[in-house]
C-alpha cells in the first residue's frame, strides 16, 4: 500500500506541474497583454491630441471674433482679456 500511495503522490505532482502554462504560452500571453496596452495608449494619445486641437481651434476662433465690431464700413477691434 505504501508503494501505491507513493506512486499516486508522484503522479499527482506531475499532473499539477503539467497543468500550468508552458513558457511559450506565458510569453505569448504577456506579448498579447503588451500589444493591447500599447493599443489603448495610442488611442488615448490620439483622442487627447484631437481634443486639444479642437479646443485650440475653438479658442482661436472665439478670440478672433470676440471684440470685433463693424461701424459704417470700418472695423474696430477692442482689446479684451479672456480668462480660461
C-alpha atoms as a PDB file:
ATOM      1  CA  UNK A   1       0.000   0.000   0.000  1.00  0.00           C
ATOM      2  CA  UNK A   2       2.936   2.297   0.710  1.00  0.00           C
ATOM      3  CA  UNK A   3       4.160   1.881  -2.887  1.00  0.00           C
ATOM      4  CA  UNK A   4       0.725   2.724  -4.313  1.00  0.00           C
ATOM      5  CA  UNK A   5       0.461   5.846  -2.148  1.00  0.00           C
ATOM      6  CA  UNK A   6       3.916   6.997  -3.220  1.00  0.00           C
ATOM      7  CA  UNK A   7       3.063   6.377  -6.867  1.00  0.00           C
ATOM      8  CA  UNK A   8      -0.177   8.384  -6.568  1.00  0.00           C
ATOM      9  CA  UNK A   9       1.638  11.234  -4.826  1.00  0.00           C
ATOM     10  CA  UNK A  10       4.292  11.416  -7.566  1.00  0.00           C
ATOM     11  CA  UNK A  11       1.657  11.159 -10.322  1.00  0.00           C
ATOM     12  CA  UNK A  12      -0.359  13.949  -8.679  1.00  0.00           C
ATOM     13  CA  UNK A  13       2.725  16.129  -8.500  1.00  0.00           C
ATOM     14  CA  UNK A  14       3.424  15.652 -12.234  1.00  0.00           C
ATOM     15  CA  UNK A  15      -0.225  16.345 -13.011  1.00  0.00           C
ATOM     16  CA  UNK A  16      -0.202  19.632 -11.080  1.00  0.00           C
ATOM     17  CA  UNK A  17       3.010  20.795 -12.763  1.00  0.00           C
ATOM     18  CA  UNK A  18       1.757  19.829 -16.216  1.00  0.00           C
ATOM     19  CA  UNK A  19      -1.465  21.845 -15.812  1.00  0.00           C
ATOM     20  CA  UNK A  20       0.323  25.199 -15.690  1.00  0.00           C
ATOM     21  CA  UNK A  21       1.000  27.200 -18.853  1.00  0.00           C
ATOM     22  CA  UNK A  22       4.175  26.453 -20.734  1.00  0.00           C
ATOM     23  CA  UNK A  23       6.836  29.127 -21.034  1.00  0.00           C
ATOM     24  CA  UNK A  24       5.826  29.662 -24.658  1.00  0.00           C
ATOM     25  CA  UNK A  25       2.168  30.153 -23.733  1.00  0.00           C
ATOM     26  CA  UNK A  26       3.051  32.519 -20.938  1.00  0.00           C
ATOM     27  CA  UNK A  27       5.308  34.570 -23.238  1.00  0.00           C
ATOM     28  CA  UNK A  28       2.508  34.778 -25.817  1.00  0.00           C
ATOM     29  CA  UNK A  29       0.045  35.924 -23.137  1.00  0.00           C
ATOM     30  CA  UNK A  30       2.448  38.637 -21.980  1.00  0.00           C
ATOM     31  CA  UNK A  31       3.033  39.773 -25.572  1.00  0.00           C
ATOM     32  CA  UNK A  32      -0.722  39.962 -26.179  1.00  0.00           C
ATOM     33  CA  UNK A  33      -1.204  41.987 -22.995  1.00  0.00           C
ATOM     34  CA  UNK A  34       1.573  44.390 -24.010  1.00  0.00           C
ATOM     35  CA  UNK A  35       0.082  44.810 -27.503  1.00  0.00           C
ATOM     36  CA  UNK A  36      -3.320  45.571 -26.000  1.00  0.00           C
ATOM     37  CA  UNK A  37      -1.799  48.118 -23.595  1.00  0.00           C
ATOM     38  CA  UNK A  38       0.058  49.798 -26.482  1.00  0.00           C
ATOM     39  CA  UNK A  39      -3.168  49.952 -28.480  1.00  0.00           C
ATOM     40  CA  UNK A  40      -5.011  51.588 -25.590  1.00  0.00           C
ATOM     41  CA  UNK A  41      -2.210  54.127 -25.098  1.00  0.00           C
ATOM     42  CA  UNK A  42      -2.176  55.008 -28.812  1.00  0.00           C
ATOM     43  CA  UNK A  43      -5.942  55.515 -28.826  1.00  0.00           C
ATOM     44  CA  UNK A  44      -5.730  57.677 -25.710  1.00  0.00           C
ATOM     45  CA  UNK A  45      -2.959  59.837 -27.187  1.00  0.00           C
ATOM     46  CA  UNK A  46      -4.881  60.277 -30.443  1.00  0.00           C
ATOM     47  CA  UNK A  47      -8.040  61.263 -28.587  1.00  0.00           C
ATOM     48  CA  UNK A  48      -6.132  63.691 -26.378  1.00  0.00           C
ATOM     49  CA  UNK A  49      -4.392  65.309 -29.361  1.00  0.00           C
ATOM     50  CA  UNK A  50      -7.688  65.632 -31.241  1.00  0.00           C
ATOM     51  CA  UNK A  51      -9.410  67.203 -28.243  1.00  0.00           C
ATOM     52  CA  UNK A  52      -6.519  69.617 -27.725  1.00  0.00           C
ATOM     53  CA  UNK A  53      -6.570  70.622 -31.391  1.00  0.00           C
ATOM     54  CA  UNK A  54     -10.336  71.192 -31.320  1.00  0.00           C
ATOM     55  CA  UNK A  55     -10.070  73.258 -28.135  1.00  0.00           C
ATOM     56  CA  UNK A  56      -7.253  75.350 -29.605  1.00  0.00           C
ATOM     57  CA  UNK A  57      -9.223  75.923 -32.804  1.00  0.00           C
ATOM     58  CA  UNK A  58     -12.347  76.953 -30.876  1.00  0.00           C
ATOM     59  CA  UNK A  59     -10.338  79.265 -28.617  1.00  0.00           C
ATOM     60  CA  UNK A  60      -8.600  80.873 -31.595  1.00  0.00           C
ATOM     61  CA  UNK A  61     -11.917  81.325 -33.420  1.00  0.00           C
ATOM     62  CA  UNK A  62     -13.544  82.831 -30.333  1.00  0.00           C
ATOM     63  CA  UNK A  63     -10.601  85.177 -29.753  1.00  0.00           C
ATOM     64  CA  UNK A  64     -10.639  86.469 -33.336  1.00  0.00           C
ATOM     65  CA  UNK A  65     -14.387  87.076 -33.441  1.00  0.00           C
ATOM     66  CA  UNK A  66     -14.666  88.480 -29.923  1.00  0.00           C
ATOM     67  CA  UNK A  67     -14.240  92.242 -29.679  1.00  0.00           C
ATOM     68  CA  UNK A  68     -14.580  92.946 -33.428  1.00  0.00           C
ATOM     69  CA  UNK A  69     -17.378  95.287 -34.489  1.00  0.00           C
ATOM     70  CA  UNK A  70     -18.245  96.937 -37.772  1.00  0.00           C
ATOM     71  CA  UNK A  71     -19.403 100.529 -37.857  1.00  0.00           C
ATOM     72  CA  UNK A  72     -20.285 102.160 -41.192  1.00  0.00           C
ATOM     73  CA  UNK A  73     -17.744 100.257 -43.262  1.00  0.00           C
ATOM     74  CA  UNK A  74     -14.903 100.449 -40.751  1.00  0.00           C
ATOM     75  CA  UNK A  75     -13.825  97.649 -38.487  1.00  0.00           C
ATOM     76  CA  UNK A  76     -12.904  98.387 -34.899  1.00  0.00           C
ATOM     77  CA  UNK A  77     -11.152  95.828 -32.740  1.00  0.00           C
ATOM     78  CA  UNK A  78     -11.451  96.132 -29.000  1.00  0.00           C
ATOM     79  CA  UNK A  79      -8.754  94.776 -26.734  1.00  0.00           C
ATOM     80  CA  UNK A  80     -10.199  92.341 -24.196  1.00  0.00           C
ATOM     81  CA  UNK A  81      -8.583  89.829 -21.926  1.00  0.00           C
ATOM     82  CA  UNK A  82     -10.200  86.461 -21.515  1.00  0.00           C
ATOM     83  CA  UNK A  83      -9.535  84.139 -18.616  1.00  0.00           C
ATOM     84  CA  UNK A  84      -9.683  80.436 -19.040  1.00  0.00           C
END
